[in-house]
Every structure is written in C-alpha cells, then in structure tokens.
Amino acid sequence: MTFAERIGRLDATGDHAPLYRQLQRALREAIQKKVLAPDDALPAERDMADEFNISRITVRKALDGLVSEGLLTRRQGAGTFVAARVEKSFSKLSSFTEDMISRGRVPRSEWISRSEGQVTPEESLTLGLSPGTPVYRFARIRYADGAPMAVEYTTIAAFALPSTEVVGTSLYEALETTGHRPVRALQRLRAVLFQAEQADLLGVPVKDAGLLIERRGFLKDGRAVEVTQSYYRGDAYDFVAELNSLS
C-alpha cells in the first residue's frame, strides 16, 4: 500500500478546498486516527508530490502548516516526522532543556523579554522576599525540534544570578554555575484556555486547551529562589507521576 493510499487520495475536482489544505486535513486525520504513529517518518516531499499528483510547493505549504501546529517536526538531515507527545515527570525536578535532550529532541528558546526590577507584592509573598528586593524576570518561548511547546514566565531572586545576561539556553544551568539551582519544588498543574497572548506565541487558536504549571523552587537552605508559570500546549505534553502505596 502506498503512502497516498494509506492517507487517502486528494480530490482536485469535487472538493473546493485548496489542495494543500486537503493534504493537511488528510495528514491530520491520519495522525488522530493513529494511521501515522508518533515518530513515523513521512516520505520525501518529492515522493509525496508524485504520489498525490501535486506540486512540491503544495506539499511544502501543507507540511509547513502542520509543523506550525506542532503535529509534525523537521529534523535536519533526516526529514519530516510525526511529532511525539512529550511526557514530563512530576517526580523529577529537571529543566525543559534537560527533558528535551533526554528524549533525543533539539531544544531552543526564543526570548520575549528579560529584565531587572523590584519584587511585586505577590512575588514578595511567594518568594519570601522583603519589599523592594531586586529580582530578575525572564519570558521565553520554548521549542523542541523547531515546534513551539511552551511559554515560560520566570522570576528569580537577584541574589541567585549576577545578571540576566548569564542565562543562555538553560536557566537551571546558569543557576547551577552560581550554586543556586533549586533542589526541590512545589508544582501545581491546572487546565487553562489560552488567551490571545499565549495563543499567538504558541501558534494555536485562542481558547485552545492548554496546561499551566506553576512552580516554586527552593534551595537546600529552604529559601525560595524561583517562581515560574509555564503554559504548555495541551496537544504536545503529557504530565505523569509515579505513585507508591503507603503500606
């Protein structure tokens, strides 16, 4: 069975939707129905164009849209693959960068902003800092294999870092170099509907379902050093926890 037969032929006459949208719809349905499994490789664009009797430009436009949605990922030198959902363990305190690397995916961050300021009343309560204490704030879009996965807003007590500029790919890596990486954290998970800001940054529709993780990180001496709000795409992340009986 050819790839086109598995996915379903396109209709150039009866269906009034553009051919690239027809291909997107066919691929999306194939992923939802598990005809295409996570990490399945798609044929080369040239081969797909030949099978569906469409141009390579049409194939590229269709795939670009699904990559933006996070349903497909491109791996340099390897091709296009069905995106695999990421499982994030609640029992392990690790950074986004560490999670992605451990799963063989390529992490990347895009800065929205990083700034220095004074602690807000809410942050003062959460971090246990006196009013007027300096803090650093970071806002980033987190990517895996080129697809946007999450938007993070983090506040760090200024004593933990020399400046905002020392943070590169991984915030936790920067904190580790100064001896202020959190050793434990309290996390709260809740379902949200993305507002315009998060939806635009993640490339999903407004009111799309997502997951909000609120984390407070602590040092060995018990001081709170980090407060993070992370908005994760609901179609790309699963959060898991290992439970043990008390007996």
C-alpha atoms as a PDB file:
ATOM      1  CA  MET A   1       0.000   0.000   0.000  1.00  0.00           C
ATOM      2  CA  THR A   2       1.382   3.375  -0.985  1.00  0.00           C
ATOM      3  CA  PHE A   3       1.524   6.337   1.378  1.00  0.00           C
ATOM      4  CA  ALA A   4      -1.237   8.102  -0.587  1.00  0.00           C
ATOM      5  CA  GLU A   5      -3.480   5.024  -0.276  1.00  0.00           C
ATOM      6  CA  ARG A   6      -2.913   4.935   3.486  1.00  0.00           C
ATOM      7  CA  ILE A   7      -3.722   8.613   3.876  1.00  0.00           C
ATOM      8  CA  GLY A   8      -6.430   8.956   1.241  1.00  0.00           C
ATOM      9  CA  ARG A   9      -6.377  10.465  -2.211  1.00  0.00           C
ATOM     10  CA  LEU A  10      -6.988  14.173  -2.757  1.00  0.00           C
ATOM     11  CA  ASP A  11      -9.982  15.417  -4.742  1.00  0.00           C
ATOM     12  CA  ALA A  12      -8.969  18.049  -7.277  1.00  0.00           C
ATOM     13  CA  THR A  13     -12.491  18.454  -8.667  1.00  0.00           C
ATOM     14  CA  GLY A  14     -15.214  17.742  -6.102  1.00  0.00           C
ATOM     15  CA  ASP A  15     -13.558  19.295  -3.050  1.00  0.00           C
ATOM     16  CA  HIS A  16     -13.370  23.083  -3.277  1.00  0.00           C
ATOM     17  CA  ALA A  17     -10.694  23.360  -0.575  1.00  0.00           C
ATOM     18  CA  PRO A  18      -7.172  24.158  -1.854  1.00  0.00           C
ATOM     19  CA  LEU A  19      -5.046  21.069  -2.387  1.00  0.00           C
ATOM     20  CA  TYR A  20      -2.605  21.981   0.385  1.00  0.00           C
ATOM     21  CA  ARG A  21      -5.495  22.197   2.843  1.00  0.00           C
ATOM     22  CA  GLN A  22      -6.822  18.838   1.644  1.00  0.00           C
ATOM     23  CA  LEU A  23      -3.400  17.300   2.273  1.00  0.00           C
ATOM     24  CA  GLN A  24      -3.206  18.931   5.700  1.00  0.00           C
ATOM     25  CA  ARG A  25      -6.638  17.560   6.586  1.00  0.00           C
ATOM     26  CA  ALA A  26      -5.746  14.066   5.386  1.00  0.00           C
ATOM     27  CA  LEU A  27      -2.491  14.030   7.354  1.00  0.00           C
ATOM     28  CA  ARG A  28      -4.148  15.489  10.464  1.00  0.00           C
ATOM     29  CA  GLU A  29      -6.861  12.825  10.402  1.00  0.00           C
ATOM     30  CA  ALA A  30      -4.275  10.097   9.828  1.00  0.00           C
ATOM     31  CA  ILE A  31      -2.383  11.253  12.934  1.00  0.00           C
ATOM     32  CA  GLN A  32      -5.560  11.488  15.026  1.00  0.00           C
ATOM     33  CA  LYS A  33      -6.688   8.006  13.920  1.00  0.00           C
ATOM     34  CA  LYS A  34      -3.186   6.536  14.585  1.00  0.00           C
ATOM     35  CA  VAL A  35      -2.687   5.629  10.922  1.00  0.00           C
ATOM     36  CA  LEU A  36       0.504   7.628  11.393  1.00  0.00           C
ATOM     37  CA  ALA A  37       2.157   6.981  14.751  1.00  0.00           C
ATOM     38  CA  PRO A  38       4.428   9.295  16.759  1.00  0.00           C
ATOM     39  CA  ASP A  39       7.930   9.449  15.244  1.00  0.00           C
ATOM     40  CA  ASP A  40       6.747   7.950  11.933  1.00  0.00           C
ATOM     41  CA  ALA A  41       8.751   9.376   9.049  1.00  0.00           C
ATOM     42  CA  LEU A  42       6.894  10.958   6.147  1.00  0.00           C
ATOM     43  CA  PRO A  43       8.046  10.340   2.577  1.00  0.00           C
ATOM     44  CA  ALA A  44      10.288  12.940   0.976  1.00  0.00           C
ATOM     45  CA  GLU A  45       8.433  15.974  -0.383  1.00  0.00           C
ATOM     46  CA  ARG A  46       9.295  14.957  -3.950  1.00  0.00           C
ATOM     47  CA  ASP A  47       7.831  11.487  -3.432  1.00  0.00           C
ATOM     48  CA  MET A  48       4.673  12.876  -1.806  1.00  0.00           C
ATOM     49  CA  ALA A  49       4.211  15.264  -4.703  1.00  0.00           C
ATOM     50  CA  ASP A  50       4.437  12.376  -7.160  1.00  0.00           C
ATOM     51  CA  GLU A  51       2.046  10.146  -5.180  1.00  0.00           C
ATOM     52  CA  PHE A  52      -0.618  12.817  -4.733  1.00  0.00           C
ATOM     53  CA  ASN A  53      -0.049  14.315  -8.212  1.00  0.00           C
ATOM     54  CA  ILE A  54       0.534  17.797  -6.813  1.00  0.00           C
ATOM     55  CA  SER A  55       3.453  20.208  -6.828  1.00  0.00           C
ATOM     56  CA  ARG A  56       6.278  20.156  -4.282  1.00  0.00           C
ATOM     57  CA  ILE A  57       5.323  23.731  -3.381  1.00  0.00           C
ATOM     58  CA  THR A  58       1.849  22.482  -2.411  1.00  0.00           C
ATOM     59  CA  VAL A  59       3.356  19.689  -0.321  1.00  0.00           C
ATOM     60  CA  ARG A  60       5.752  22.110   1.401  1.00  0.00           C
ATOM     61  CA  LYS A  61       2.922  24.545   2.192  1.00  0.00           C
ATOM     62  CA  ALA A  62       0.825  21.753   3.710  1.00  0.00           C
ATOM     63  CA  LEU A  63       3.710  20.439   5.818  1.00  0.00           C
ATOM     64  CA  ASP A  64       4.712  23.936   6.968  1.00  0.00           C
ATOM     65  CA  GLY A  65       1.234  24.420   8.431  1.00  0.00           C
ATOM     66  CA  LEU A  66       1.322  21.134  10.324  1.00  0.00           C
ATOM     67  CA  VAL A  67       4.822  21.873  11.649  1.00  0.00           C
ATOM     68  CA  SER A  68       3.492  25.204  12.955  1.00  0.00           C
ATOM     69  CA  GLU A  69       0.644  23.327  14.654  1.00  0.00           C
ATOM     70  CA  GLY A  70       3.155  21.029  16.321  1.00  0.00           C
ATOM     71  CA  LEU A  71       1.800  17.885  14.648  1.00  0.00           C
ATOM     72  CA  LEU A  72       4.935  17.389  12.550  1.00  0.00           C
ATOM     73  CA  THR A  73       8.590  18.105  13.210  1.00  0.00           C
ATOM     74  CA  ARG A  74      11.517  18.555  10.858  1.00  0.00           C
ATOM     75  CA  ARG A  75      14.869  17.039  11.753  1.00  0.00           C
ATOM     76  CA  GLN A  76      17.833  18.432   9.924  1.00  0.00           C
ATOM     77  CA  GLY A  77      19.252  15.909   7.502  1.00  0.00           C
ATOM     78  CA  ALA A  78      16.613  13.298   8.387  1.00  0.00           C
ATOM     79  CA  GLY A  79      13.277  14.578   7.071  1.00  0.00           C
ATOM     80  CA  THR A  80       9.802  15.225   8.427  1.00  0.00           C
ATOM     81  CA  PHE A  81       8.308  13.156  11.247  1.00  0.00           C
ATOM     82  CA  VAL A  82       5.076  12.871  13.184  1.00  0.00           C
ATOM     83  CA  ALA A  83       5.622  14.720  16.453  1.00  0.00           C
ATOM     84  CA  ALA A  84       5.720  12.554  19.545  1.00  0.00           C
ATOM     85  CA  ARG A  85       3.967  13.816  22.646  1.00  0.00           C
ATOM     86  CA  VAL A  86       6.360  14.646  25.447  1.00  0.00           C
ATOM     87  CA  GLU A  87       5.948  13.038  28.850  1.00  0.00           C
ATOM     88  CA  LYS A  88       7.067  15.233  31.726  1.00  0.00           C
ATOM     89  CA  SER A  89       7.559  13.540  35.071  1.00  0.00           C
ATOM     90  CA  PHE A  90       6.288  15.338  38.140  1.00  0.00           C
ATOM     91  CA  SER A  91       8.647  13.295  40.315  1.00  0.00           C
ATOM     92  CA  LYS A  92      11.861  14.716  38.818  1.00  0.00           C
ATOM     93  CA  LEU A  93      12.993  18.347  39.059  1.00  0.00           C
ATOM     94  CA  SER A  94      14.540  18.972  35.659  1.00  0.00           C
ATOM     95  CA  SER A  95      14.687  21.790  33.152  1.00  0.00           C
ATOM     96  CA  PHE A  96      12.932  21.918  29.796  1.00  0.00           C
ATOM     97  CA  THR A  97      16.319  21.700  28.070  1.00  0.00           C
ATOM     98  CA  GLU A  98      17.269  18.565  30.006  1.00  0.00           C
ATOM     99  CA  ASP A  99      13.886  16.969  29.292  1.00  0.00           C
ATOM    100  CA  MET A 100      14.176  17.530  25.547  1.00  0.00           C
ATOM    101  CA  ILE A 101      17.789  16.359  25.265  1.00  0.00           C
ATOM    102  CA  SER A 102      16.981  13.192  27.215  1.00  0.00           C
ATOM    103  CA  ARG A 103      14.285  12.413  24.633  1.00  0.00           C
ATOM    104  CA  GLY A 104      16.580  12.983  21.682  1.00  0.00           C
ATOM    105  CA  ARG A 105      14.936  16.258  20.725  1.00  0.00           C
ATOM    106  CA  VAL A 106      16.597  19.579  19.995  1.00  0.00           C
ATOM    107  CA  PRO A 107      15.610  22.338  22.454  1.00  0.00           C
ATOM    108  CA  ARG A 108      15.662  26.014  21.640  1.00  0.00           C
ATOM    109  CA  SER A 109      14.475  29.158  23.405  1.00  0.00           C
ATOM    110  CA  GLU A 110      13.293  32.438  21.943  1.00  0.00           C
ATOM    111  CA  TRP A 111      13.486  35.376  24.285  1.00  0.00           C
ATOM    112  CA  ILE A 112      10.390  37.505  24.740  1.00  0.00           C
ATOM    113  CA  SER A 113      11.981  39.656  27.421  1.00  0.00           C
ATOM    114  CA  ARG A 114      14.464  39.628  30.302  1.00  0.00           C
ATOM    115  CA  SER A 115      14.634  42.438  32.778  1.00  0.00           C
ATOM    116  CA  GLU A 116      15.581  43.545  36.270  1.00  0.00           C
ATOM    117  CA  GLY A 117      13.109  45.055  38.708  1.00  0.00           C
ATOM    118  CA  GLN A 118      11.792  45.055  42.230  1.00  0.00           C
ATOM    119  CA  VAL A 119       9.709  42.271  43.674  1.00  0.00           C
ATOM    120  CA  THR A 120       5.945  42.748  43.373  1.00  0.00           C
ATOM    121  CA  PRO A 121       3.700  42.229  46.408  1.00  0.00           C
ATOM    122  CA  GLU A 122       2.621  38.823  45.051  1.00  0.00           C
ATOM    123  CA  GLU A 123       6.211  37.755  44.321  1.00  0.00           C
ATOM    124  CA  SER A 124       7.248  39.002  47.766  1.00  0.00           C
ATOM    125  CA  LEU A 125       4.811  36.570  49.374  1.00  0.00           C
ATOM    126  CA  THR A 126       5.706  33.681  47.080  1.00  0.00           C
ATOM    127  CA  LEU A 127       9.482  34.082  47.300  1.00  0.00           C
ATOM    128  CA  GLY A 128       9.603  35.279  50.896  1.00  0.00           C
ATOM    129  CA  LEU A 129      11.447  38.470  49.916  1.00  0.00           C
ATOM    130  CA  SER A 130      11.204  41.888  51.551  1.00  0.00           C
ATOM    131  CA  PRO A 131       9.521  44.712  49.607  1.00  0.00           C
ATOM    132  CA  GLY A 132      11.975  46.441  47.287  1.00  0.00           C
ATOM    133  CA  THR A 133      14.214  43.371  46.888  1.00  0.00           C
ATOM    134  CA  PRO A 134      15.648  43.149  43.337  1.00  0.00           C
ATOM    135  CA  VAL A 135      14.593  40.268  41.088  1.00  0.00           C
ATOM    136  CA  TYR A 136      15.216  39.136  37.504  1.00  0.00           C
ATOM    137  CA  ARG A 137      12.331  38.295  35.180  1.00  0.00           C
ATOM    138  CA  PHE A 138      12.536  36.070  32.130  1.00  0.00           C
ATOM    139  CA  ALA A 139       9.921  35.335  29.464  1.00  0.00           C
ATOM    140  CA  ARG A 140      10.657  32.745  26.782  1.00  0.00           C
ATOM    141  CA  ILE A 141       9.054  30.560  24.131  1.00  0.00           C
ATOM    142  CA  ARG A 142      10.399  27.007  24.409  1.00  0.00           C
ATOM    143  CA  TYR A 143      10.816  24.910  21.251  1.00  0.00           C
ATOM    144  CA  ALA A 144      11.518  21.242  20.552  1.00  0.00           C
ATOM    145  CA  ASP A 145      12.688  20.279  17.066  1.00  0.00           C
ATOM    146  CA  GLY A 146      11.560  23.683  15.866  1.00  0.00           C
ATOM    147  CA  ALA A 147       7.976  23.416  17.155  1.00  0.00           C
ATOM    148  CA  PRO A 148       6.741  25.777  19.915  1.00  0.00           C
ATOM    149  CA  MET A 149       5.935  23.762  23.037  1.00  0.00           C
ATOM    150  CA  ALA A 150       5.540  26.203  25.913  1.00  0.00           C
ATOM    151  CA  VAL A 151       5.678  29.809  27.064  1.00  0.00           C
ATOM    152  CA  GLU A 152       7.506  30.409  30.353  1.00  0.00           C
ATOM    153  CA  TYR A 153       7.435  33.389  32.685  1.00  0.00           C
ATOM    154  CA  THR A 154      10.036  33.161  35.463  1.00  0.00           C
ATOM    155  CA  THR A 155      11.038  35.390  38.366  1.00  0.00           C
ATOM    156  CA  ILE A 156      14.391  34.713  40.049  1.00  0.00           C
ATOM    157  CA  ALA A 157      15.662  36.303  43.254  1.00  0.00           C
ATOM    158  CA  ALA A 158      18.538  38.543  42.163  1.00  0.00           C
ATOM    159  CA  PHE A 159      20.976  37.087  44.707  1.00  0.00           C
ATOM    160  CA  ALA A 160      20.991  33.882  42.639  1.00  0.00           C
ATOM    161  CA  LEU A 161      22.457  35.349  39.431  1.00  0.00           C
ATOM    162  CA  PRO A 162      24.974  38.098  38.602  1.00  0.00           C
ATOM    163  CA  SER A 163      22.783  39.425  35.745  1.00  0.00           C
ATOM    164  CA  THR A 164      20.110  38.406  33.263  1.00  0.00           C
ATOM    165  CA  GLU A 165      22.706  38.074  30.512  1.00  0.00           C
ATOM    166  CA  VAL A 166      24.329  34.958  32.001  1.00  0.00           C
ATOM    167  CA  VAL A 167      21.262  32.882  31.100  1.00  0.00           C
ATOM    168  CA  GLY A 168      21.692  31.104  27.783  1.00  0.00           C
ATOM    169  CA  THR A 169      19.794  28.021  26.681  1.00  0.00           C
ATOM    170  CA  SER A 170      19.072  26.752  30.199  1.00  0.00           C
ATOM    171  CA  LEU A 171      18.156  28.857  33.240  1.00  0.00           C
ATOM    172  CA  TYR A 172      18.817  25.932  35.583  1.00  0.00           C
ATOM    173  CA  GLU A 173      22.291  25.523  34.088  1.00  0.00           C
ATOM    174  CA  ALA A 174      23.027  29.186  34.851  1.00  0.00           C
ATOM    175  CA  LEU A 175      21.714  28.771  38.394  1.00  0.00           C
ATOM    176  CA  GLU A 176      23.844  25.674  38.864  1.00  0.00           C
ATOM    177  CA  THR A 177      27.023  27.593  37.985  1.00  0.00           C
ATOM    178  CA  THR A 178      26.292  30.067  40.795  1.00  0.00           C
ATOM    179  CA  GLY A 179      25.336  27.345  43.286  1.00  0.00           C
ATOM    180  CA  HIS A 180      21.664  28.390  43.356  1.00  0.00           C
ATOM    181  CA  ARG A 181      19.933  25.670  41.394  1.00  0.00           C
ATOM    182  CA  PRO A 182      16.691  24.561  43.122  1.00  0.00           C
ATOM    183  CA  VAL A 183      16.874  21.154  44.778  1.00  0.00           C
ATOM    184  CA  ARG A 184      13.136  20.786  45.352  1.00  0.00           C
ATOM    185  CA  ALA A 185       9.969  22.426  44.090  1.00  0.00           C
ATOM    186  CA  LEU A 186       6.254  22.695  44.657  1.00  0.00           C
ATOM    187  CA  GLN A 187       4.237  22.447  41.465  1.00  0.00           C
ATOM    188  CA  ARG A 188       0.587  22.979  40.666  1.00  0.00           C
ATOM    189  CA  LEU A 189      -0.995  21.831  37.403  1.00  0.00           C
ATOM    190  CA  ARG A 190      -4.275  23.106  36.034  1.00  0.00           C
ATOM    191  CA  ALA A 191      -6.080  23.183  32.724  1.00  0.00           C
ATOM    192  CA  VAL A 192      -6.442  26.555  31.016  1.00  0.00           C
ATOM    193  CA  LEU A 193      -7.829  28.047  27.838  1.00  0.00           C
ATOM    194  CA  PHE A 194      -5.158  30.065  26.082  1.00  0.00           C
ATOM    195  CA  GLN A 195      -5.705  33.797  25.975  1.00  0.00           C
ATOM    196  CA  ALA A 196      -4.626  35.851  22.979  1.00  0.00           C
ATOM    197  CA  GLU A 197      -1.053  36.416  24.200  1.00  0.00           C
ATOM    198  CA  GLN A 198      -0.170  32.758  24.788  1.00  0.00           C
ATOM    199  CA  ALA A 199      -2.134  31.550  21.753  1.00  0.00           C
ATOM    200  CA  ASP A 200      -0.277  33.933  19.456  1.00  0.00           C
ATOM    201  CA  LEU A 201       3.126  32.943  20.839  1.00  0.00           C
ATOM    202  CA  LEU A 202       2.397  29.218  20.528  1.00  0.00           C
ATOM    203  CA  GLY A 203       0.665  29.410  17.166  1.00  0.00           C
ATOM    204  CA  VAL A 204      -2.613  27.886  18.378  1.00  0.00           C
ATOM    205  CA  PRO A 205      -6.198  29.215  18.304  1.00  0.00           C
ATOM    206  CA  VAL A 206      -7.409  31.476  21.099  1.00  0.00           C
ATOM    207  CA  LYS A 207      -9.304  29.449  23.720  1.00  0.00           C
ATOM    208  CA  ASP A 208      -7.385  26.308  22.734  1.00  0.00           C
ATOM    209  CA  ALA A 209      -6.859  23.934  25.671  1.00  0.00           C
ATOM    210  CA  GLY A 210      -3.532  24.048  27.441  1.00  0.00           C
ATOM    211  CA  LEU A 211      -1.798  23.225  30.708  1.00  0.00           C
ATOM    212  CA  LEU A 212      -0.479  25.738  33.221  1.00  0.00           C
ATOM    213  CA  ILE A 213       2.295  24.642  35.574  1.00  0.00           C
ATOM    214  CA  GLU A 214       3.046  26.960  38.474  1.00  0.00           C
ATOM    215  CA  ARG A 215       6.352  26.058  40.132  1.00  0.00           C
ATOM    216  CA  ARG A 216       8.154  27.429  43.173  1.00  0.00           C
ATOM    217  CA  GLY A 217      11.770  26.250  43.502  1.00  0.00           C
ATOM    218  CA  PHE A 218      13.743  26.062  46.758  1.00  0.00           C
ATOM    219  CA  LEU A 219      17.421  25.907  47.689  1.00  0.00           C
ATOM    220  CA  LYS A 220      18.969  23.466  50.164  1.00  0.00           C
ATOM    221  CA  ASP A 221      18.660  26.025  52.942  1.00  0.00           C
ATOM    222  CA  GLY A 222      14.917  26.338  52.344  1.00  0.00           C
ATOM    223  CA  ARG A 223      14.930  29.715  50.627  1.00  0.00           C
ATOM    224  CA  ALA A 224      12.652  30.122  47.619  1.00  0.00           C
ATOM    225  CA  VAL A 225      14.650  31.189  44.579  1.00  0.00           C
ATOM    226  CA  GLU A 226      12.334  30.693  41.601  1.00  0.00           C
ATOM    227  CA  VAL A 227       8.729  31.244  40.619  1.00  0.00           C
ATOM    228  CA  THR A 228       7.728  30.034  37.145  1.00  0.00           C
ATOM    229  CA  GLN A 229       4.477  29.945  35.221  1.00  0.00           C
ATOM    230  CA  SER A 230       4.671  27.661  32.183  1.00  0.00           C
ATOM    231  CA  TYR A 231       1.903  27.422  29.605  1.00  0.00           C
ATOM    232  CA  TYR A 232       2.191  24.123  27.752  1.00  0.00           C
ATOM    233  CA  ARG A 233       0.403  23.081  24.598  1.00  0.00           C
ATOM    234  CA  GLY A 234      -2.214  20.507  25.549  1.00  0.00           C
ATOM    235  CA  ASP A 235      -1.697  18.635  22.274  1.00  0.00           C
ATOM    236  CA  ALA A 236       2.017  18.121  22.849  1.00  0.00           C
ATOM    237  CA  TYR A 237       2.566  17.367  26.539  1.00  0.00           C
ATOM    238  CA  ASP A 238       1.554  14.656  28.988  1.00  0.00           C
ATOM    239  CA  PHE A 239       2.421  15.011  32.663  1.00  0.00           C
ATOM    240  CA  VAL A 240       2.989  11.783  34.563  1.00  0.00           C
ATOM    241  CA  ALA A 241       3.665  10.918  38.197  1.00  0.00           C
ATOM    242  CA  GLU A 242       4.703   7.648  39.836  1.00  0.00           C
ATOM    243  CA  LEU A 243       2.544   6.757  42.820  1.00  0.00           C
ATOM    244  CA  ASN A 244       3.501   4.320  45.573  1.00  0.00           C
ATOM    245  CA  SER A 245       1.367   2.663  48.218  1.00  0.00           C
ATOM    246  CA  LEU A 246       1.916   3.798  51.809  1.00  0.00           C
ATOM    247  CA  SER A 247       1.780   0.195  53.007  1.00  0.00           C
END
